[in-house]
Amino acid sequence: MATGRTDPQRRERILAATLDHIVEEGVAGVSHRKIAARAAVPLGSMTYHFSGIDALLREAFTRFADHIVAVFEEHLLRAESPEQAREAVTDLVHTLSEGPRRDLVLTQELYTLAARRPEYQELTQAWMRRSRHLLERHFDPGTARQLDALIEGLTLHRALDNGAPHPRALTRQAVTRITTTA
């Protein structure tokens, strides 16, 4: 196995292993020893690359939030009209809710941490600001905030619905209601 100096991917493997571990066992199951074993790195690499478990979790969740923002960008940056933006938001809800269960689990683990710990609340607030900024390219700030909440809520409901999740037409109707002025 390569040493830290000749293994430039070690830090990335540790972060990926952390997120994989959280998906399987939750944040409560994270330890230096478990992550080092999963990442196939020496235990000493953990403290070499991260000052502690909190630093590891913050960076791993920051990477995850970057991934979700990239999904928002992929959908929203293509839209050139309000109608295309509504369709992009509808697509986004269905992409996120039908996508990897991993993303849903990581989102909920981060939200749980944010509900208890200010440093994770700051991380989720930064994520929401970035998401809303993308929505604000097409909608006013108040509408963007409502859409962001709708995206989060519908994604969660669709992903956790054991029956037939609500159809795309219902998502589109909700998006239209929020984005159409009376």
C-alpha atoms as a PDB file:
ATOM      1  CA  MET A   1       0.000   0.000   0.000  1.00  0.00           C
ATOM      2  CA  ALA A   2       1.252   3.485  -0.850  1.00  0.00           C
ATOM      3  CA  THR A   3       2.235   5.953   1.819  1.00  0.00           C
ATOM      4  CA  GLY A   4       0.349   9.208   2.375  1.00  0.00           C
ATOM      5  CA  ARG A   5       2.882  11.112   0.288  1.00  0.00           C
ATOM      6  CA  THR A   6       2.520   8.801  -2.705  1.00  0.00           C
ATOM      7  CA  ASP A   7      -1.195   8.126  -2.295  1.00  0.00           C
ATOM      8  CA  PRO A   8      -2.913  11.322  -3.423  1.00  0.00           C
ATOM      9  CA  GLN A   9      -6.331   9.622  -3.441  1.00  0.00           C
ATOM     10  CA  ARG A  10      -6.208   8.610   0.214  1.00  0.00           C
ATOM     11  CA  ARG A  11      -8.119  11.633   1.494  1.00  0.00           C
ATOM     12  CA  GLU A  12     -10.813  11.103  -1.160  1.00  0.00           C
ATOM     13  CA  ARG A  13     -11.122   7.412  -0.258  1.00  0.00           C
ATOM     14  CA  ILE A  14     -11.565   8.338   3.392  1.00  0.00           C
ATOM     15  CA  LEU A  15     -14.334  10.812   2.546  1.00  0.00           C
ATOM     16  CA  ALA A  16     -16.096   8.326   0.254  1.00  0.00           C
ATOM     17  CA  ALA A  17     -15.794   5.597   2.884  1.00  0.00           C
ATOM     18  CA  THR A  18     -17.256   7.955   5.482  1.00  0.00           C
ATOM     19  CA  LEU A  19     -20.332   8.648   3.377  1.00  0.00           C
ATOM     20  CA  ASP A  20     -20.734   4.931   2.542  1.00  0.00           C
ATOM     21  CA  HIS A  21     -20.472   4.073   6.223  1.00  0.00           C
ATOM     22  CA  ILE A  22     -23.058   6.698   7.185  1.00  0.00           C
ATOM     23  CA  VAL A  23     -25.480   5.225   4.651  1.00  0.00           C
ATOM     24  CA  GLU A  24     -25.101   1.766   6.180  1.00  0.00           C
ATOM     25  CA  GLU A  25     -24.806   2.545   9.897  1.00  0.00           C
ATOM     26  CA  GLY A  26     -25.658   6.201  10.419  1.00  0.00           C
ATOM     27  CA  VAL A  27     -23.532   8.985  11.833  1.00  0.00           C
ATOM     28  CA  ALA A  28     -23.553   7.375  15.271  1.00  0.00           C
ATOM     29  CA  GLY A  29     -21.560   4.440  13.860  1.00  0.00           C
ATOM     30  CA  VAL A  30     -18.686   6.552  12.537  1.00  0.00           C
ATOM     31  CA  SER A  31     -15.285   6.003  14.127  1.00  0.00           C
ATOM     32  CA  HIS A  32     -11.709   6.476  12.946  1.00  0.00           C
ATOM     33  CA  ARG A  33     -11.118   2.736  13.105  1.00  0.00           C
ATOM     34  CA  LYS A  34     -14.218   1.811  11.058  1.00  0.00           C
ATOM     35  CA  ILE A  35     -13.584   4.424   8.395  1.00  0.00           C
ATOM     36  CA  ALA A  36      -9.887   3.545   8.097  1.00  0.00           C
ATOM     37  CA  ALA A  37     -10.786  -0.124   7.629  1.00  0.00           C
ATOM     38  CA  ARG A  38     -13.459   0.691   5.042  1.00  0.00           C
ATOM     39  CA  ALA A  39     -11.112   3.025   3.147  1.00  0.00           C
ATOM     40  CA  ALA A  40      -8.241   0.508   3.402  1.00  0.00           C
ATOM     41  CA  VAL A  41      -5.893   3.087   4.907  1.00  0.00           C
ATOM     42  CA  PRO A  42      -3.728   2.987   8.027  1.00  0.00           C
ATOM     43  CA  LEU A  43      -5.505   4.238  11.141  1.00  0.00           C
ATOM     44  CA  GLY A  44      -2.930   7.042  11.463  1.00  0.00           C
ATOM     45  CA  SER A  45      -4.139   8.470   8.156  1.00  0.00           C
ATOM     46  CA  MET A  46      -7.344   9.507   9.808  1.00  0.00           C
ATOM     47  CA  THR A  47      -5.731  11.992  12.171  1.00  0.00           C
ATOM     48  CA  TYR A  48      -3.174  13.001   9.538  1.00  0.00           C
ATOM     49  CA  HIS A  49      -5.915  14.133   7.153  1.00  0.00           C
ATOM     50  CA  PHE A  50      -8.634  15.205   9.616  1.00  0.00           C
ATOM     51  CA  SER A  51      -8.340  16.837  13.024  1.00  0.00           C
ATOM     52  CA  GLY A  52     -11.163  14.695  14.383  1.00  0.00           C
ATOM     53  CA  ILE A  53     -14.458  13.004  13.626  1.00  0.00           C
ATOM     54  CA  ASP A  54     -16.288  16.345  13.362  1.00  0.00           C
ATOM     55  CA  ALA A  55     -13.830  17.643  10.757  1.00  0.00           C
ATOM     56  CA  LEU A  56     -14.244  14.404   8.822  1.00  0.00           C
ATOM     57  CA  LEU A  57     -18.047  14.554   8.991  1.00  0.00           C
ATOM     58  CA  ARG A  58     -18.192  18.242   8.036  1.00  0.00           C
ATOM     59  CA  GLU A  59     -16.004  17.726   4.992  1.00  0.00           C
ATOM     60  CA  ALA A  60     -17.826  14.555   3.927  1.00  0.00           C
ATOM     61  CA  PHE A  61     -21.221  16.251   4.243  1.00  0.00           C
ATOM     62  CA  THR A  62     -19.901  19.339   2.446  1.00  0.00           C
ATOM     63  CA  ARG A  63     -18.901  17.091  -0.458  1.00  0.00           C
ATOM     64  CA  PHE A  64     -22.343  15.517  -0.393  1.00  0.00           C
ATOM     65  CA  ALA A  65     -24.057  18.932  -0.426  1.00  0.00           C
ATOM     66  CA  ASP A  66     -21.862  19.918  -3.388  1.00  0.00           C
ATOM     67  CA  HIS A  67     -23.123  16.808  -5.197  1.00  0.00           C
ATOM     68  CA  ILE A  68     -26.772  17.726  -4.609  1.00  0.00           C
ATOM     69  CA  VAL A  69     -26.183  21.337  -5.690  1.00  0.00           C
ATOM     70  CA  ALA A  70     -24.618  19.962  -8.886  1.00  0.00           C
ATOM     71  CA  VAL A  71     -27.859  18.039  -9.505  1.00  0.00           C
ATOM     72  CA  PHE A  72     -29.789  21.315  -9.054  1.00  0.00           C
ATOM     73  CA  GLU A  73     -27.407  23.027 -11.479  1.00  0.00           C
ATOM     74  CA  GLU A  74     -27.774  20.278 -14.047  1.00  0.00           C
ATOM     75  CA  HIS A  75     -31.524  20.827 -14.121  1.00  0.00           C
ATOM     76  CA  LEU A  76     -31.900  24.550 -13.539  1.00  0.00           C
ATOM     77  CA  LEU A  77     -29.080  26.056 -15.589  1.00  0.00           C
ATOM     78  CA  ARG A  78     -30.577  24.734 -18.836  1.00  0.00           C
ATOM     79  CA  ALA A  79     -33.906  26.511 -18.352  1.00  0.00           C
ATOM     80  CA  GLU A  80     -34.314  29.697 -20.368  1.00  0.00           C
ATOM     81  CA  SER A  81     -37.958  30.565 -19.699  1.00  0.00           C
ATOM     82  CA  PRO A  82     -40.356  30.379 -16.737  1.00  0.00           C
ATOM     83  CA  GLU A  83     -42.072  27.389 -18.352  1.00  0.00           C
ATOM     84  CA  GLN A  84     -38.755  25.573 -18.804  1.00  0.00           C
ATOM     85  CA  ALA A  85     -37.844  26.432 -15.206  1.00  0.00           C
ATOM     86  CA  ARG A  86     -41.106  24.887 -13.948  1.00  0.00           C
ATOM     87  CA  GLU A  87     -40.375  21.771 -15.958  1.00  0.00           C
ATOM     88  CA  ALA A  88     -36.795  21.705 -14.595  1.00  0.00           C
ATOM     89  CA  VAL A  89     -38.088  21.880 -11.002  1.00  0.00           C
ATOM     90  CA  THR A  90     -40.538  19.058 -11.722  1.00  0.00           C
ATOM     91  CA  ASP A  91     -37.717  16.982 -13.230  1.00  0.00           C
ATOM     92  CA  LEU A  92     -35.530  17.781 -10.238  1.00  0.00           C
ATOM     93  CA  VAL A  93     -38.097  16.451  -7.740  1.00  0.00           C
ATOM     94  CA  HIS A  94     -38.419  13.214  -9.679  1.00  0.00           C
ATOM     95  CA  THR A  95     -34.676  12.853 -10.241  1.00  0.00           C
ATOM     96  CA  LEU A  96     -33.942  13.285  -6.536  1.00  0.00           C
ATOM     97  CA  SER A  97     -36.772  11.052  -5.303  1.00  0.00           C
ATOM     98  CA  GLU A  98     -36.155   8.286  -7.837  1.00  0.00           C
ATOM     99  CA  GLY A  99     -32.387   8.538  -7.588  1.00  0.00           C
ATOM    100  CA  PRO A 100     -30.016   6.655  -5.347  1.00  0.00           C
ATOM    101  CA  ARG A 101     -31.463   5.840  -1.928  1.00  0.00           C
ATOM    102  CA  ARG A 102     -27.990   6.751  -0.679  1.00  0.00           C
ATOM    103  CA  ASP A 103     -28.688  10.445  -1.318  1.00  0.00           C
ATOM    104  CA  LEU A 104     -31.937  10.308   0.649  1.00  0.00           C
ATOM    105  CA  VAL A 105     -30.256   8.623   3.624  1.00  0.00           C
ATOM    106  CA  LEU A 106     -27.344  11.072   3.618  1.00  0.00           C
ATOM    107  CA  THR A 107     -29.720  14.033   3.397  1.00  0.00           C
ATOM    108  CA  GLN A 108     -31.690  12.826   6.398  1.00  0.00           C
ATOM    109  CA  GLU A 109     -28.544  12.080   8.419  1.00  0.00           C
ATOM    110  CA  LEU A 110     -27.291  15.605   7.734  1.00  0.00           C
ATOM    111  CA  TYR A 111     -30.649  17.133   8.659  1.00  0.00           C
ATOM    112  CA  THR A 112     -30.647  15.192  11.927  1.00  0.00           C
ATOM    113  CA  LEU A 113     -27.177  16.511  12.773  1.00  0.00           C
ATOM    114  CA  ALA A 114     -28.246  20.034  11.812  1.00  0.00           C
ATOM    115  CA  ALA A 115     -31.241  19.831  14.135  1.00  0.00           C
ATOM    116  CA  ARG A 116     -28.867  19.244  17.049  1.00  0.00           C
ATOM    117  CA  ARG A 117     -25.594  20.933  16.200  1.00  0.00           C
ATOM    118  CA  PRO A 118     -25.049  24.537  15.029  1.00  0.00           C
ATOM    119  CA  GLU A 119     -22.014  23.770  12.833  1.00  0.00           C
ATOM    120  CA  TYR A 120     -24.112  21.359  10.765  1.00  0.00           C
ATOM    121  CA  GLN A 121     -26.988  23.807  10.718  1.00  0.00           C
ATOM    122  CA  GLU A 122     -24.575  26.296   9.132  1.00  0.00           C
ATOM    123  CA  LEU A 123     -23.616  23.679   6.548  1.00  0.00           C
ATOM    124  CA  THR A 124     -27.261  22.967   5.636  1.00  0.00           C
ATOM    125  CA  GLN A 125     -28.036  26.697   5.511  1.00  0.00           C
ATOM    126  CA  ALA A 126     -25.166  27.209   3.064  1.00  0.00           C
ATOM    127  CA  TRP A 127     -26.523  24.332   0.973  1.00  0.00           C
ATOM    128  CA  MET A 128     -30.029  25.853   0.985  1.00  0.00           C
ATOM    129  CA  ARG A 129     -28.652  29.278   0.021  1.00  0.00           C
ATOM    130  CA  ARG A 130     -26.880  27.745  -2.969  1.00  0.00           C
ATOM    131  CA  SER A 131     -30.008  25.841  -4.027  1.00  0.00           C
ATOM    132  CA  ARG A 132     -32.195  28.917  -3.662  1.00  0.00           C
ATOM    133  CA  HIS A 133     -29.687  31.026  -5.588  1.00  0.00           C
ATOM    134  CA  LEU A 134     -30.106  28.643  -8.529  1.00  0.00           C
ATOM    135  CA  LEU A 135     -33.880  28.851  -8.213  1.00  0.00           C
ATOM    136  CA  GLU A 136     -33.675  32.654  -8.029  1.00  0.00           C
ATOM    137  CA  ARG A 137     -32.279  32.695 -11.557  1.00  0.00           C
ATOM    138  CA  HIS A 138     -35.861  31.978 -12.595  1.00  0.00           C
ATOM    139  CA  PHE A 139     -38.103  33.005  -9.686  1.00  0.00           C
ATOM    140  CA  ASP A 140     -38.286  35.781  -7.093  1.00  0.00           C
ATOM    141  CA  PRO A 141     -36.661  35.048  -3.684  1.00  0.00           C
ATOM    142  CA  GLY A 142     -39.928  34.242  -1.901  1.00  0.00           C
ATOM    143  CA  THR A 143     -41.003  31.828  -4.612  1.00  0.00           C
ATOM    144  CA  ALA A 144     -37.527  30.282  -4.672  1.00  0.00           C
ATOM    145  CA  ARG A 145     -37.753  29.636  -0.916  1.00  0.00           C
ATOM    146  CA  GLN A 146     -41.158  27.995  -1.327  1.00  0.00           C
ATOM    147  CA  LEU A 147     -39.900  25.884  -4.235  1.00  0.00           C
ATOM    148  CA  ASP A 148     -36.872  24.779  -2.253  1.00  0.00           C
ATOM    149  CA  ALA A 149     -39.167  23.556   0.536  1.00  0.00           C
ATOM    150  CA  LEU A 150     -41.447  21.892  -2.006  1.00  0.00           C
ATOM    151  CA  ILE A 151     -38.508  20.105  -3.622  1.00  0.00           C
ATOM    152  CA  GLU A 152     -37.284  18.833  -0.248  1.00  0.00           C
ATOM    153  CA  GLY A 153     -40.740  17.770   0.914  1.00  0.00           C
ATOM    154  CA  LEU A 154     -41.899  16.109  -2.285  1.00  0.00           C
ATOM    155  CA  THR A 155     -38.567  14.345  -2.698  1.00  0.00           C
ATOM    156  CA  LEU A 156     -38.857  12.887   0.787  1.00  0.00           C
ATOM    157  CA  HIS A 157     -42.515  11.940   0.394  1.00  0.00           C
ATOM    158  CA  ARG A 158     -42.015  10.356  -3.028  1.00  0.00           C
ATOM    159  CA  ALA A 159     -38.924   8.421  -1.907  1.00  0.00           C
ATOM    160  CA  LEU A 160     -40.546   7.060   1.246  1.00  0.00           C
ATOM    161  CA  ASP A 161     -43.968   6.278  -0.190  1.00  0.00           C
ATOM    162  CA  ASN A 162     -44.356   2.499  -0.106  1.00  0.00           C
ATOM    163  CA  GLY A 163     -47.321   2.630  -2.447  1.00  0.00           C
ATOM    164  CA  ALA A 164     -47.306   4.280  -5.818  1.00  0.00           C
ATOM    165  CA  PRO A 165     -45.610   7.637  -5.388  1.00  0.00           C
ATOM    166  CA  HIS A 166     -47.587  10.586  -6.671  1.00  0.00           C
ATOM    167  CA  PRO A 167     -47.372  11.087 -10.409  1.00  0.00           C
ATOM    168  CA  ARG A 168     -45.357  13.674 -12.275  1.00  0.00           C
ATOM    169  CA  ALA A 169     -48.545  15.576 -13.157  1.00  0.00           C
ATOM    170  CA  LEU A 170     -49.216  16.195  -9.464  1.00  0.00           C
ATOM    171  CA  THR A 171     -45.662  17.468  -8.964  1.00  0.00           C
ATOM    172  CA  ARG A 172     -46.044  19.743 -11.970  1.00  0.00           C
ATOM    173  CA  GLN A 173     -49.347  21.050 -10.606  1.00  0.00           C
ATOM    174  CA  ALA A 174     -47.723  21.927  -7.256  1.00  0.00           C
ATOM    175  CA  VAL A 175     -44.820  23.683  -8.969  1.00  0.00           C
ATOM    176  CA  THR A 176     -47.232  25.634 -11.180  1.00  0.00           C
ATOM    177  CA  ARG A 177     -49.325  26.722  -8.194  1.00  0.00           C
ATOM    178  CA  ILE A 178     -46.313  28.089  -6.377  1.00  0.00           C
ATOM    179  CA  THR A 179     -44.767  29.786  -9.395  1.00  0.00           C
ATOM    180  CA  THR A 180     -47.845  31.318 -10.995  1.00  0.00           C
ATOM    181  CA  THR A 181     -48.940  34.681  -9.664  1.00  0.00           C
ATOM    182  CA  ALA A 182     -52.651  35.190  -9.119  1.00  0.00           C
END
